[in-house]
Amino acid sequence: MSFEKAKNITYICVRCGAKMKGEDLSYIGILECLECGYEVLEKSRPDTVKAVKAE
Protein backbone atom coordinates (compact mmCIF):
# COMPACT_ATOMS: atom_id res chain seq x y z
CA MET A 1 0.00 0.00 0.00
CA SER A 2 1.22 3.46 -0.80
CA PHE A 3 1.19 5.59 2.33
CA GLU A 4 1.57 8.81 0.35
CA LYS A 5 -2.10 8.66 -0.67
CA ALA A 6 -3.31 7.72 2.81
CA LYS A 7 -1.97 10.72 4.72
CA ASN A 8 -5.27 12.62 4.84
CA ILE A 9 -7.33 9.61 5.94
CA THR A 10 -8.30 8.84 9.53
CA TYR A 11 -8.37 5.17 10.53
CA ILE A 12 -10.24 3.48 13.40
CA CYS A 13 -9.05 0.26 15.04
CA VAL A 14 -11.68 -2.49 14.92
CA ARG A 15 -10.59 -3.96 18.26
CA CYS A 16 -10.03 -0.98 20.60
CA GLY A 17 -11.67 1.90 18.67
CA ALA A 18 -8.58 4.12 18.72
CA LYS A 19 -8.43 6.80 16.02
CA MET A 20 -5.20 7.52 14.19
CA LYS A 21 -4.16 9.55 11.18
CA GLY A 22 -2.59 8.15 8.05
CA GLU A 23 0.37 10.45 8.64
CA ASP A 24 1.23 8.56 11.83
CA LEU A 25 0.93 5.19 10.10
CA SER A 26 3.07 6.29 7.16
CA TYR A 27 5.82 7.31 9.60
CA ILE A 28 5.96 3.77 10.99
CA GLY A 29 5.50 2.09 7.59
CA ILE A 30 3.14 -0.65 8.78
CA LEU A 31 -0.63 -0.63 8.89
CA GLU A 32 -1.54 -1.60 12.46
CA CYS A 33 -3.10 0.06 15.50
CA LEU A 34 -0.71 2.24 17.46
CA GLU A 35 -2.52 1.47 20.74
CA CYS A 36 -3.07 -2.31 20.73
CA GLY A 37 -1.12 -3.53 17.67
CA TYR A 38 -4.17 -5.07 15.97
CA GLU A 39 -3.80 -5.23 12.19
CA VAL A 40 -7.44 -4.60 11.17
CA LEU A 41 -8.27 -0.92 10.65
CA GLU A 42 -11.20 0.72 8.92
CA LYS A 43 -11.41 4.11 7.28
CA SER A 44 -13.50 6.62 9.18
CA ARG A 45 -16.40 8.20 7.35
CA PRO A 46 -16.89 11.96 7.17
CA ASP A 47 -19.47 13.58 9.44
CA THR A 48 -21.18 15.33 6.55
CA VAL A 49 -23.97 13.67 4.61
CA LYS A 50 -23.90 13.91 0.87
CA ALA A 51 -27.33 14.78 -0.56
CA VAL A 52 -28.10 13.39 -4.00
CA LYS A 53 -31.20 14.42 -5.90
CA ALA A 54 -33.11 11.41 -7.26
CA GLU A 55 -34.69 11.80 -10.66
C-alpha atoms as a PDB file:
ATOM      1  CA  MET A   1       0.000   0.000   0.000  1.00  0.00           C
ATOM      2  CA  SER A   2       1.224   3.458  -0.802  1.00  0.00           C
ATOM      3  CA  PHE A   3       1.186   5.590   2.335  1.00  0.00           C
ATOM      4  CA  GLU A   4       1.572   8.807   0.346  1.00  0.00           C
ATOM      5  CA  LYS A   5      -2.102   8.660  -0.675  1.00  0.00           C
ATOM      6  CA  ALA A   6      -3.306   7.717   2.810  1.00  0.00           C
ATOM      7  CA  LYS A   7      -1.972  10.724   4.715  1.00  0.00           C
ATOM      8  CA  ASN A   8      -5.273  12.625   4.836  1.00  0.00           C
ATOM      9  CA  ILE A   9      -7.328   9.613   5.940  1.00  0.00           C
ATOM     10  CA  THR A  10      -8.299   8.838   9.533  1.00  0.00           C
ATOM     11  CA  TYR A  11      -8.372   5.173  10.532  1.00  0.00           C
ATOM     12  CA  ILE A  12     -10.241   3.477  13.399  1.00  0.00           C
ATOM     13  CA  CYS A  13      -9.052   0.264  15.043  1.00  0.00           C
ATOM     14  CA  VAL A  14     -11.679  -2.489  14.921  1.00  0.00           C
ATOM     15  CA  ARG A  15     -10.594  -3.960  18.263  1.00  0.00           C
ATOM     16  CA  CYS A  16     -10.030  -0.983  20.601  1.00  0.00           C
ATOM     17  CA  GLY A  17     -11.668   1.898  18.666  1.00  0.00           C
ATOM     18  CA  ALA A  18      -8.578   4.115  18.716  1.00  0.00           C
ATOM     19  CA  LYS A  19      -8.433   6.799  16.024  1.00  0.00           C
ATOM     20  CA  MET A  20      -5.199   7.516  14.190  1.00  0.00           C
ATOM     21  CA  LYS A  21      -4.156   9.547  11.177  1.00  0.00           C
ATOM     22  CA  GLY A  22      -2.592   8.145   8.049  1.00  0.00           C
ATOM     23  CA  GLU A  23       0.373  10.447   8.642  1.00  0.00           C
ATOM     24  CA  ASP A  24       1.228   8.557  11.830  1.00  0.00           C
ATOM     25  CA  LEU A  25       0.934   5.194  10.103  1.00  0.00           C
ATOM     26  CA  SER A  26       3.071   6.292   7.160  1.00  0.00           C
ATOM     27  CA  TYR A  27       5.821   7.310   9.599  1.00  0.00           C
ATOM     28  CA  ILE A  28       5.962   3.769  10.990  1.00  0.00           C
ATOM     29  CA  GLY A  29       5.503   2.092   7.594  1.00  0.00           C
ATOM     30  CA  ILE A  30       3.143  -0.653   8.781  1.00  0.00           C
ATOM     31  CA  LEU A  31      -0.634  -0.631   8.887  1.00  0.00           C
ATOM     32  CA  GLU A  32      -1.540  -1.600  12.464  1.00  0.00           C
ATOM     33  CA  CYS A  33      -3.099   0.060  15.505  1.00  0.00           C
ATOM     34  CA  LEU A  34      -0.709   2.243  17.462  1.00  0.00           C
ATOM     35  CA  GLU A  35      -2.524   1.473  20.739  1.00  0.00           C
ATOM     36  CA  CYS A  36      -3.069  -2.308  20.731  1.00  0.00           C
ATOM     37  CA  GLY A  37      -1.122  -3.531  17.674  1.00  0.00           C
ATOM     38  CA  TYR A  38      -4.171  -5.068  15.969  1.00  0.00           C
ATOM     39  CA  GLU A  39      -3.803  -5.229  12.186  1.00  0.00           C
ATOM     40  CA  VAL A  40      -7.436  -4.601  11.166  1.00  0.00           C
ATOM     41  CA  LEU A  41      -8.266  -0.922  10.646  1.00  0.00           C
ATOM     42  CA  GLU A  42     -11.195   0.720   8.922  1.00  0.00           C
ATOM     43  CA  LYS A  43     -11.408   4.112   7.285  1.00  0.00           C
ATOM     44  CA  SER A  44     -13.503   6.618   9.180  1.00  0.00           C
ATOM     45  CA  ARG A  45     -16.403   8.204   7.349  1.00  0.00           C
ATOM     46  CA  PRO A  46     -16.887  11.957   7.166  1.00  0.00           C
ATOM     47  CA  ASP A  47     -19.468  13.576   9.436  1.00  0.00           C
ATOM     48  CA  THR A  48     -21.184  15.333   6.550  1.00  0.00           C
ATOM     49  CA  VAL A  49     -23.973  13.665   4.613  1.00  0.00           C
ATOM     50  CA  LYS A  50     -23.900  13.907   0.866  1.00  0.00           C
ATOM     51  CA  ALA A  51     -27.328  14.775  -0.563  1.00  0.00           C
ATOM     52  CA  VAL A  52     -28.100  13.395  -4.004  1.00  0.00           C
ATOM     53  CA  LYS A  53     -31.205  14.422  -5.896  1.00  0.00           C
ATOM     54  CA  ALA A  54     -33.113  11.415  -7.256  1.00  0.00           C
ATOM     55  CA  GLU A  55     -34.694  11.802 -10.663  1.00  0.00           C
END
